Amino acid sequence: MIFDANASIFVRQNNNSILNGNETLSLNESAIFSNETYRDDRPFLPSDSAVCVWTILFCLIVISAVIGNLLVIWIILRHRKMRTKINIFLLNLSFADLIMATFNAMFNFAYMINAHWPFGDVYCVFSNFIANFAIGLSVFTITATSIDR
C-alpha cells in the first residue's frame, strides 16, 4: 500500500516480478481505493476476541493512568509540605501524562482498531498537537530534573 498525501488516496499495487540487484519495480496492476474501501482491505484485521481483549486492557491502562495522575496532582496541591522542588517536577510529569491519557490515548486506540479517524480534522490536528506537547513537556521536565540534581 502506498499513501499519496497530496491526493488523499491509497494506491494498492500488485507486483508479480522479483527484484534482483538494481532492477526497477514494474507494476502489473494498480487500483485506487478511497479511505472507506481501504478500511475493509487492511493487511492486518484483528479478530473480534483480540479487539475485545485489547479494549479491556487499554481501558484499564487509561483509567489507571488518569486516576493515578489525578491522585499525584491532588496530593501535591492539597498538602503544602509536599510542594518541594522535586515534587513540582513530578507534578509537571503527572500533568503531561494526564493530558496524554485523556486527550490522546483513547482516540488513537479507536483509530488503531478501526483504521479510520471518525473524530474530524480539527481534533486530528489537536490530538497530534497534544501528543507532541505532552512528550515535549515530559522531556523538558526530565531534563530540568537531571540538571537540578
N, C-alpha and C. Protein backbone atom coordinates (compact mmCIF):
# COMPACT_ATOMS: atom_id res chain seq x y z
N MET A 1 0.83 -1.18 0.00
CA MET A 1 0.00 0.00 0.00
C MET A 1 0.88 1.25 0.00
N ILE A 2 0.50 2.20 -0.76
CA ILE A 2 1.19 3.49 -0.80
C ILE A 2 0.15 4.56 -0.54
N PHE A 3 0.46 5.49 0.35
CA PHE A 3 -0.45 6.59 0.63
C PHE A 3 0.09 7.84 -0.02
N ASP A 4 -0.70 8.46 -0.87
CA ASP A 4 -0.34 9.71 -1.53
C ASP A 4 -0.98 10.84 -0.75
N ALA A 5 -0.18 11.60 0.03
CA ALA A 5 -0.71 12.63 0.91
C ALA A 5 -1.35 13.76 0.13
N ASN A 6 -0.88 14.06 -1.07
CA ASN A 6 -1.44 15.16 -1.85
C ASN A 6 -2.83 14.83 -2.37
N ALA A 7 -3.06 13.59 -2.75
CA ALA A 7 -4.35 13.22 -3.32
C ALA A 7 -5.28 12.60 -2.29
N SER A 8 -4.78 12.29 -1.09
CA SER A 8 -5.56 11.66 -0.02
C SER A 8 -6.23 10.37 -0.49
N ILE A 9 -5.48 9.55 -1.18
CA ILE A 9 -5.99 8.26 -1.63
C ILE A 9 -4.95 7.20 -1.34
N PHE A 10 -5.40 5.98 -1.30
CA PHE A 10 -4.50 4.86 -1.14
C PHE A 10 -4.37 4.16 -2.49
N VAL A 11 -3.15 3.79 -2.83
CA VAL A 11 -2.91 3.07 -4.07
C VAL A 11 -2.44 1.68 -3.69
N ARG A 12 -3.16 0.70 -4.15
CA ARG A 12 -2.79 -0.69 -3.90
C ARG A 12 -2.06 -1.20 -5.12
N GLN A 13 -0.87 -1.73 -4.90
CA GLN A 13 -0.05 -2.18 -6.01
C GLN A 13 0.19 -3.68 -5.88
N ASN A 14 -0.04 -4.39 -6.95
CA ASN A 14 0.25 -5.81 -7.02
C ASN A 14 1.38 -5.99 -8.01
N ASN A 15 2.43 -6.66 -7.58
CA ASN A 15 3.59 -6.85 -8.43
C ASN A 15 3.93 -8.33 -8.45
N ASN A 16 4.04 -8.88 -9.63
CA ASN A 16 4.37 -10.29 -9.75
C ASN A 16 5.84 -10.51 -10.11
N SER A 17 6.61 -9.45 -10.31
CA SER A 17 8.02 -9.62 -10.67
C SER A 17 8.88 -9.63 -9.41
N ILE A 18 10.06 -10.20 -9.53
CA ILE A 18 11.02 -10.28 -8.43
C ILE A 18 12.14 -9.30 -8.72
N LEU A 19 12.56 -8.56 -7.70
CA LEU A 19 13.64 -7.58 -7.87
C LEU A 19 14.98 -8.24 -7.62
N ASN A 20 15.90 -8.03 -8.51
CA ASN A 20 17.27 -8.51 -8.36
C ASN A 20 18.22 -7.33 -8.54
N GLY A 21 19.06 -7.09 -7.58
CA GLY A 21 20.08 -6.05 -7.71
C GLY A 21 19.49 -4.68 -7.96
N ASN A 22 19.82 -4.09 -9.11
CA ASN A 22 19.40 -2.73 -9.43
C ASN A 22 18.18 -2.67 -10.35
N GLU A 23 17.43 -3.76 -10.47
CA GLU A 23 16.26 -3.75 -11.33
C GLU A 23 15.20 -2.80 -10.79
N THR A 24 14.43 -2.28 -11.69
CA THR A 24 13.35 -1.39 -11.27
C THR A 24 12.08 -2.19 -11.02
N LEU A 25 11.20 -1.60 -10.27
CA LEU A 25 9.94 -2.24 -9.92
C LEU A 25 8.93 -2.03 -11.03
N SER A 26 8.40 -3.11 -11.57
CA SER A 26 7.37 -2.98 -12.60
C SER A 26 6.03 -3.36 -11.99
N LEU A 27 5.02 -2.53 -12.26
CA LEU A 27 3.70 -2.77 -11.71
C LEU A 27 2.82 -3.46 -12.73
N ASN A 28 2.26 -4.58 -12.34
CA ASN A 28 1.34 -5.27 -13.22
C ASN A 28 -0.08 -4.78 -13.05
N GLU A 29 -0.46 -4.47 -11.80
CA GLU A 29 -1.79 -3.99 -11.52
C GLU A 29 -1.70 -2.82 -10.55
N SER A 30 -2.59 -1.89 -10.69
CA SER A 30 -2.67 -0.77 -9.77
C SER A 30 -4.12 -0.35 -9.67
N ALA A 31 -4.62 -0.23 -8.47
CA ALA A 31 -6.01 0.17 -8.28
C ALA A 31 -6.07 1.25 -7.21
N ILE A 32 -6.95 2.19 -7.37
CA ILE A 32 -7.08 3.29 -6.43
C ILE A 32 -8.30 3.02 -5.56
N PHE A 33 -8.09 3.16 -4.26
CA PHE A 33 -9.16 2.92 -3.30
C PHE A 33 -9.37 4.16 -2.46
N SER A 34 -10.59 4.44 -2.10
CA SER A 34 -10.86 5.53 -1.17
C SER A 34 -10.54 5.05 0.25
N ASN A 35 -10.58 5.96 1.22
CA ASN A 35 -10.30 5.59 2.60
C ASN A 35 -11.30 4.55 3.11
N GLU A 36 -12.57 4.63 2.69
CA GLU A 36 -13.57 3.68 3.15
C GLU A 36 -13.27 2.27 2.65
N THR A 37 -12.85 2.16 1.41
CA THR A 37 -12.52 0.85 0.86
C THR A 37 -11.27 0.30 1.53
N TYR A 38 -10.31 1.16 1.80
CA TYR A 38 -9.07 0.72 2.43
C TYR A 38 -9.34 0.12 3.81
N ARG A 39 -10.30 0.67 4.52
CA ARG A 39 -10.61 0.17 5.85
C ARG A 39 -11.01 -1.30 5.80
N ASP A 40 -11.71 -1.70 4.75
CA ASP A 40 -12.12 -3.09 4.63
C ASP A 40 -11.02 -3.97 4.04
N ASP A 41 -9.98 -3.38 3.50
CA ASP A 41 -8.91 -4.12 2.85
C ASP A 41 -7.60 -3.97 3.62
N ARG A 42 -7.69 -3.93 4.95
CA ARG A 42 -6.49 -3.76 5.76
C ARG A 42 -5.63 -5.02 5.71
N PRO A 43 -4.31 -4.85 5.73
CA PRO A 43 -3.44 -6.03 5.73
C PRO A 43 -3.52 -6.80 7.04
N PHE A 44 -3.87 -6.13 8.14
CA PHE A 44 -4.00 -6.80 9.43
C PHE A 44 -5.36 -6.47 10.00
N LEU A 45 -6.21 -7.44 10.08
CA LEU A 45 -7.55 -7.27 10.62
C LEU A 45 -7.66 -8.12 11.87
N PRO A 46 -7.67 -7.50 13.06
CA PRO A 46 -7.71 -8.30 14.29
C PRO A 46 -9.06 -8.99 14.45
N SER A 47 -9.02 -10.13 15.08
CA SER A 47 -10.26 -10.86 15.34
C SER A 47 -11.08 -10.13 16.40
N ASP A 48 -12.34 -10.48 16.50
CA ASP A 48 -13.21 -9.84 17.49
C ASP A 48 -12.74 -10.10 18.92
N SER A 49 -12.24 -11.30 19.17
CA SER A 49 -11.75 -11.61 20.51
C SER A 49 -10.49 -10.80 20.84
N ALA A 50 -9.62 -10.61 19.86
CA ALA A 50 -8.42 -9.80 20.09
C ALA A 50 -8.80 -8.33 20.35
N VAL A 51 -9.77 -7.83 19.60
CA VAL A 51 -10.23 -6.45 19.81
C VAL A 51 -10.82 -6.31 21.21
N CYS A 52 -11.57 -7.29 21.65
CA CYS A 52 -12.17 -7.26 22.99
C CYS A 52 -11.10 -7.25 24.08
N VAL A 53 -10.10 -8.12 23.96
CA VAL A 53 -9.03 -8.18 24.95
C VAL A 53 -8.23 -6.88 24.94
N TRP A 54 -7.88 -6.38 23.76
CA TRP A 54 -7.13 -5.13 23.66
C TRP A 54 -7.91 -3.97 24.26
N THR A 55 -9.21 -3.94 24.00
CA THR A 55 -10.04 -2.85 24.53
C THR A 55 -10.09 -2.88 26.04
N ILE A 56 -10.27 -4.05 26.62
CA ILE A 56 -10.31 -4.16 28.08
C ILE A 56 -8.98 -3.75 28.69
N LEU A 57 -7.88 -4.27 28.15
CA LEU A 57 -6.57 -3.92 28.69
C LEU A 57 -6.26 -2.44 28.52
N PHE A 58 -6.58 -1.89 27.37
CA PHE A 58 -6.30 -0.49 27.11
C PHE A 58 -7.12 0.41 28.01
N CYS A 59 -8.39 0.06 28.21
CA CYS A 59 -9.23 0.85 29.11
C CYS A 59 -8.70 0.80 30.53
N LEU A 60 -8.26 -0.37 30.99
CA LEU A 60 -7.67 -0.47 32.32
C LEU A 60 -6.42 0.40 32.46
N ILE A 61 -5.59 0.41 31.43
CA ILE A 61 -4.37 1.22 31.46
C ILE A 61 -4.71 2.70 31.50
N VAL A 62 -5.65 3.14 30.67
CA VAL A 62 -6.01 4.56 30.62
C VAL A 62 -6.68 4.98 31.92
N ILE A 63 -7.59 4.17 32.44
CA ILE A 63 -8.26 4.50 33.70
C ILE A 63 -7.27 4.59 34.85
N SER A 64 -6.34 3.64 34.92
CA SER A 64 -5.33 3.70 36.00
C SER A 64 -4.39 4.89 35.81
N ALA A 65 -4.09 5.26 34.57
CA ALA A 65 -3.24 6.44 34.33
C ALA A 65 -3.95 7.71 34.77
N VAL A 66 -5.22 7.83 34.44
CA VAL A 66 -5.97 9.03 34.82
C VAL A 66 -6.11 9.11 36.34
N ILE A 67 -6.53 8.03 36.98
CA ILE A 67 -6.71 8.03 38.43
C ILE A 67 -5.39 8.26 39.15
N GLY A 68 -4.34 7.56 38.74
CA GLY A 68 -3.04 7.72 39.38
C GLY A 68 -2.47 9.12 39.25
N ASN A 69 -2.56 9.70 38.06
CA ASN A 69 -2.03 11.05 37.88
C ASN A 69 -2.88 12.09 38.60
N LEU A 70 -4.19 11.90 38.63
CA LEU A 70 -5.04 12.82 39.39
C LEU A 70 -4.73 12.75 40.89
N LEU A 71 -4.45 11.55 41.39
CA LEU A 71 -4.07 11.41 42.81
C LEU A 71 -2.76 12.12 43.11
N VAL A 72 -1.77 11.96 42.23
CA VAL A 72 -0.48 12.64 42.44
C VAL A 72 -0.67 14.15 42.43
N ILE A 73 -1.43 14.65 41.46
CA ILE A 73 -1.68 16.09 41.37
C ILE A 73 -2.43 16.58 42.60
N TRP A 74 -3.45 15.84 43.02
CA TRP A 74 -4.23 16.25 44.19
C TRP A 74 -3.38 16.25 45.46
N ILE A 75 -2.55 15.23 45.66
CA ILE A 75 -1.73 15.15 46.87
C ILE A 75 -0.73 16.29 46.92
N ILE A 76 -0.08 16.58 45.81
CA ILE A 76 0.93 17.64 45.80
C ILE A 76 0.28 19.02 45.99
N LEU A 77 -0.86 19.23 45.37
CA LEU A 77 -1.52 20.54 45.51
C LEU A 77 -2.25 20.69 46.84
N ARG A 78 -2.74 19.63 47.42
CA ARG A 78 -3.52 19.68 48.66
C ARG A 78 -2.65 19.90 49.89
N HIS A 79 -1.49 19.25 49.93
CA HIS A 79 -0.63 19.29 51.11
C HIS A 79 0.57 20.19 50.86
N ARG A 80 0.68 21.23 51.69
CA ARG A 80 1.74 22.22 51.49
C ARG A 80 3.15 21.64 51.65
N LYS A 81 3.32 20.71 52.58
CA LYS A 81 4.67 20.17 52.80
C LYS A 81 5.12 19.26 51.66
N MET A 82 4.20 18.89 50.77
CA MET A 82 4.56 18.08 49.61
C MET A 82 5.06 18.93 48.44
N ARG A 83 5.05 20.23 48.59
CA ARG A 83 5.45 21.12 47.49
C ARG A 83 6.96 21.39 47.51
N THR A 84 7.71 20.35 47.43
CA THR A 84 9.16 20.50 47.32
C THR A 84 9.53 20.65 45.85
N LYS A 85 10.80 20.97 45.62
CA LYS A 85 11.24 21.17 44.24
C LYS A 85 11.08 19.90 43.39
N ILE A 86 11.47 18.78 43.93
CA ILE A 86 11.38 17.53 43.16
C ILE A 86 9.92 17.13 42.93
N ASN A 87 9.05 17.42 43.89
CA ASN A 87 7.63 17.10 43.72
C ASN A 87 6.96 18.00 42.70
N ILE A 88 7.45 19.21 42.53
CA ILE A 88 6.92 20.08 41.48
C ILE A 88 7.27 19.49 40.11
N PHE A 89 8.48 18.94 40.00
CA PHE A 89 8.84 18.25 38.75
C PHE A 89 7.92 17.05 38.52
N LEU A 90 7.63 16.29 39.59
CA LEU A 90 6.72 15.15 39.47
C LEU A 90 5.29 15.60 39.13
N LEU A 91 4.89 16.75 39.67
CA LEU A 91 3.58 17.32 39.33
C LEU A 91 3.51 17.63 37.84
N ASN A 92 4.57 18.19 37.31
CA ASN A 92 4.63 18.50 35.89
C ASN A 92 4.57 17.24 35.03
N LEU A 93 5.28 16.19 35.44
CA LEU A 93 5.23 14.92 34.72
C LEU A 93 3.83 14.29 34.79
N SER A 94 3.20 14.39 35.94
CA SER A 94 1.85 13.86 36.08
C SER A 94 0.87 14.62 35.20
N PHE A 95 1.03 15.92 35.12
CA PHE A 95 0.16 16.72 34.26
C PHE A 95 0.34 16.32 32.79
N ALA A 96 1.59 16.14 32.36
CA ALA A 96 1.85 15.74 30.98
C ALA A 96 1.24 14.38 30.68
N ASP A 97 1.39 13.44 31.60
CA ASP A 97 0.83 12.10 31.40
C ASP A 97 -0.70 12.14 31.42
N LEU A 98 -1.27 12.98 32.27
CA LEU A 98 -2.73 13.10 32.35
C LEU A 98 -3.32 13.64 31.05
N ILE A 99 -2.71 14.67 30.49
CA ILE A 99 -3.28 15.21 29.25
C ILE A 99 -3.07 14.23 28.08
N MET A 100 -2.01 13.45 28.12
CA MET A 100 -1.82 12.43 27.08
C MET A 100 -2.88 11.33 27.22
N ALA A 101 -3.16 10.92 28.44
CA ALA A 101 -4.14 9.85 28.66
C ALA A 101 -5.56 10.30 28.35
N THR A 102 -5.90 11.55 28.65
CA THR A 102 -7.28 11.99 28.45
C THR A 102 -7.56 12.48 27.04
N PHE A 103 -6.64 13.18 26.43
CA PHE A 103 -6.92 13.80 25.14
C PHE A 103 -6.38 13.03 23.94
N ASN A 104 -5.56 12.01 24.17
CA ASN A 104 -4.90 11.37 23.05
C ASN A 104 -5.07 9.86 23.00
N ALA A 105 -4.93 9.19 24.12
CA ALA A 105 -4.79 7.73 24.14
C ALA A 105 -6.01 6.99 23.58
N MET A 106 -7.19 7.27 24.09
CA MET A 106 -8.36 6.52 23.64
C MET A 106 -8.73 6.82 22.19
N PHE A 107 -8.50 8.05 21.76
CA PHE A 107 -8.82 8.40 20.38
C PHE A 107 -7.89 7.69 19.41
N ASN A 108 -6.60 7.61 19.76
CA ASN A 108 -5.67 6.88 18.91
C ASN A 108 -5.93 5.37 18.95
N PHE A 109 -6.40 4.87 20.08
CA PHE A 109 -6.77 3.46 20.15
C PHE A 109 -7.95 3.16 19.23
N ALA A 110 -8.94 4.04 19.22
CA ALA A 110 -10.09 3.86 18.32
C ALA A 110 -9.63 3.87 16.86
N TYR A 111 -8.69 4.75 16.55
CA TYR A 111 -8.14 4.78 15.19
C TYR A 111 -7.38 3.49 14.87
N MET A 112 -6.64 2.99 15.84
CA MET A 112 -5.87 1.76 15.62
C MET A 112 -6.80 0.57 15.35
N ILE A 113 -7.88 0.50 16.08
CA ILE A 113 -8.81 -0.63 15.92
C ILE A 113 -9.59 -0.52 14.61
N ASN A 114 -10.05 0.68 14.25
CA ASN A 114 -10.93 0.85 13.10
C ASN A 114 -10.23 1.21 11.81
N ALA A 115 -8.98 1.66 11.87
CA ALA A 115 -8.24 2.16 10.71
C ALA A 115 -9.00 3.30 10.04
N HIS A 116 -9.69 4.07 10.87
CA HIS A 116 -10.47 5.20 10.36
C HIS A 116 -10.55 6.23 11.49
N TRP A 117 -10.37 7.52 11.18
CA TRP A 117 -10.44 8.58 12.16
C TRP A 117 -11.81 9.26 12.08
N PRO A 118 -12.74 8.90 12.98
CA PRO A 118 -14.09 9.47 12.89
C PRO A 118 -14.27 10.78 13.65
N PHE A 119 -13.20 11.33 14.22
CA PHE A 119 -13.32 12.47 15.11
C PHE A 119 -13.15 13.82 14.42
N GLY A 120 -12.94 13.83 13.13
CA GLY A 120 -12.85 15.07 12.38
C GLY A 120 -11.42 15.59 12.25
N ASP A 121 -11.23 16.50 11.30
CA ASP A 121 -9.91 17.05 11.02
C ASP A 121 -9.39 17.95 12.13
N VAL A 122 -10.29 18.71 12.75
CA VAL A 122 -9.86 19.64 13.81
C VAL A 122 -9.30 18.87 14.99
N TYR A 123 -10.01 17.82 15.43
CA TYR A 123 -9.49 17.06 16.55
C TYR A 123 -8.26 16.25 16.17
N CYS A 124 -8.12 15.90 14.93
CA CYS A 124 -6.90 15.21 14.46
C CYS A 124 -5.69 16.10 14.68
N VAL A 125 -5.81 17.35 14.28
CA VAL A 125 -4.71 18.30 14.48
C VAL A 125 -4.48 18.54 15.96
N PHE A 126 -5.57 18.71 16.73
CA PHE A 126 -5.46 18.95 18.17
C PHE A 126 -4.82 17.75 18.88
N SER A 127 -5.21 16.54 18.49
CA SER A 127 -4.66 15.34 19.11
C SER A 127 -3.17 15.21 18.84
N ASN A 128 -2.74 15.51 17.62
CA ASN A 128 -1.31 15.47 17.32
C ASN A 128 -0.56 16.56 18.08
N PHE A 129 -1.17 17.74 18.20
CA PHE A 129 -0.53 18.81 18.99
C PHE A 129 -0.39 18.39 20.45
N ILE A 130 -1.43 17.81 21.02
CA ILE A 130 -1.39 17.39 22.42
C ILE A 130 -0.32 16.32 22.63
N ALA A 131 -0.21 15.38 21.70
CA ALA A 131 0.80 14.33 21.83
C ALA A 131 2.21 14.93 21.82
N ASN A 132 2.48 15.82 20.88
CA ASN A 132 3.80 16.44 20.82
C ASN A 132 4.05 17.36 22.01
N PHE A 133 3.03 18.07 22.45
CA PHE A 133 3.15 18.95 23.62
C PHE A 133 3.47 18.14 24.87
N ALA A 134 2.75 17.04 25.09
CA ALA A 134 2.96 16.22 26.28
C ALA A 134 4.33 15.55 26.27
N ILE A 135 4.76 15.10 25.12
CA ILE A 135 6.09 14.49 25.03
C ILE A 135 7.18 15.54 25.30
N GLY A 136 7.03 16.71 24.70
CA GLY A 136 7.99 17.79 24.95
C GLY A 136 8.00 18.20 26.40
N LEU A 137 6.83 18.30 27.01
CA LEU A 137 6.73 18.66 28.42
C LEU A 137 7.43 17.63 29.29
N SER A 138 7.24 16.36 29.00
CA SER A 138 7.91 15.30 29.76
C SER A 138 9.41 15.35 29.59
N VAL A 139 9.88 15.50 28.36
CA VAL A 139 11.32 15.51 28.10
C VAL A 139 11.99 16.70 28.78
N PHE A 140 11.39 17.87 28.65
CA PHE A 140 11.99 19.06 29.27
C PHE A 140 11.93 19.00 30.80
N THR A 141 10.89 18.38 31.35
CA THR A 141 10.81 18.22 32.80
C THR A 141 11.88 17.27 33.30
N ILE A 142 12.07 16.17 32.60
CA ILE A 142 13.12 15.21 33.00
C ILE A 142 14.50 15.86 32.86
N THR A 143 14.68 16.65 31.80
CA THR A 143 15.96 17.36 31.62
C THR A 143 16.19 18.34 32.77
N ALA A 144 15.17 19.10 33.13
CA ALA A 144 15.29 20.05 34.24
C ALA A 144 15.55 19.33 35.56
N THR A 145 14.93 18.18 35.74
CA THR A 145 15.16 17.39 36.96
C THR A 145 16.60 16.91 37.02
N SER A 146 17.13 16.45 35.90
CA SER A 146 18.52 15.96 35.90
C SER A 146 19.51 17.09 36.09
N ILE A 147 19.22 18.27 35.55
CA ILE A 147 20.11 19.43 35.76
C ILE A 147 20.06 19.86 37.21
N ASP A 148 18.89 19.82 37.81
CA ASP A 148 18.73 20.21 39.22
C ASP A 148 19.48 19.27 40.15
N ARG A 149 19.53 18.04 39.82
CA ARG A 149 20.20 17.05 40.68
C ARG A 149 21.68 17.19 40.52
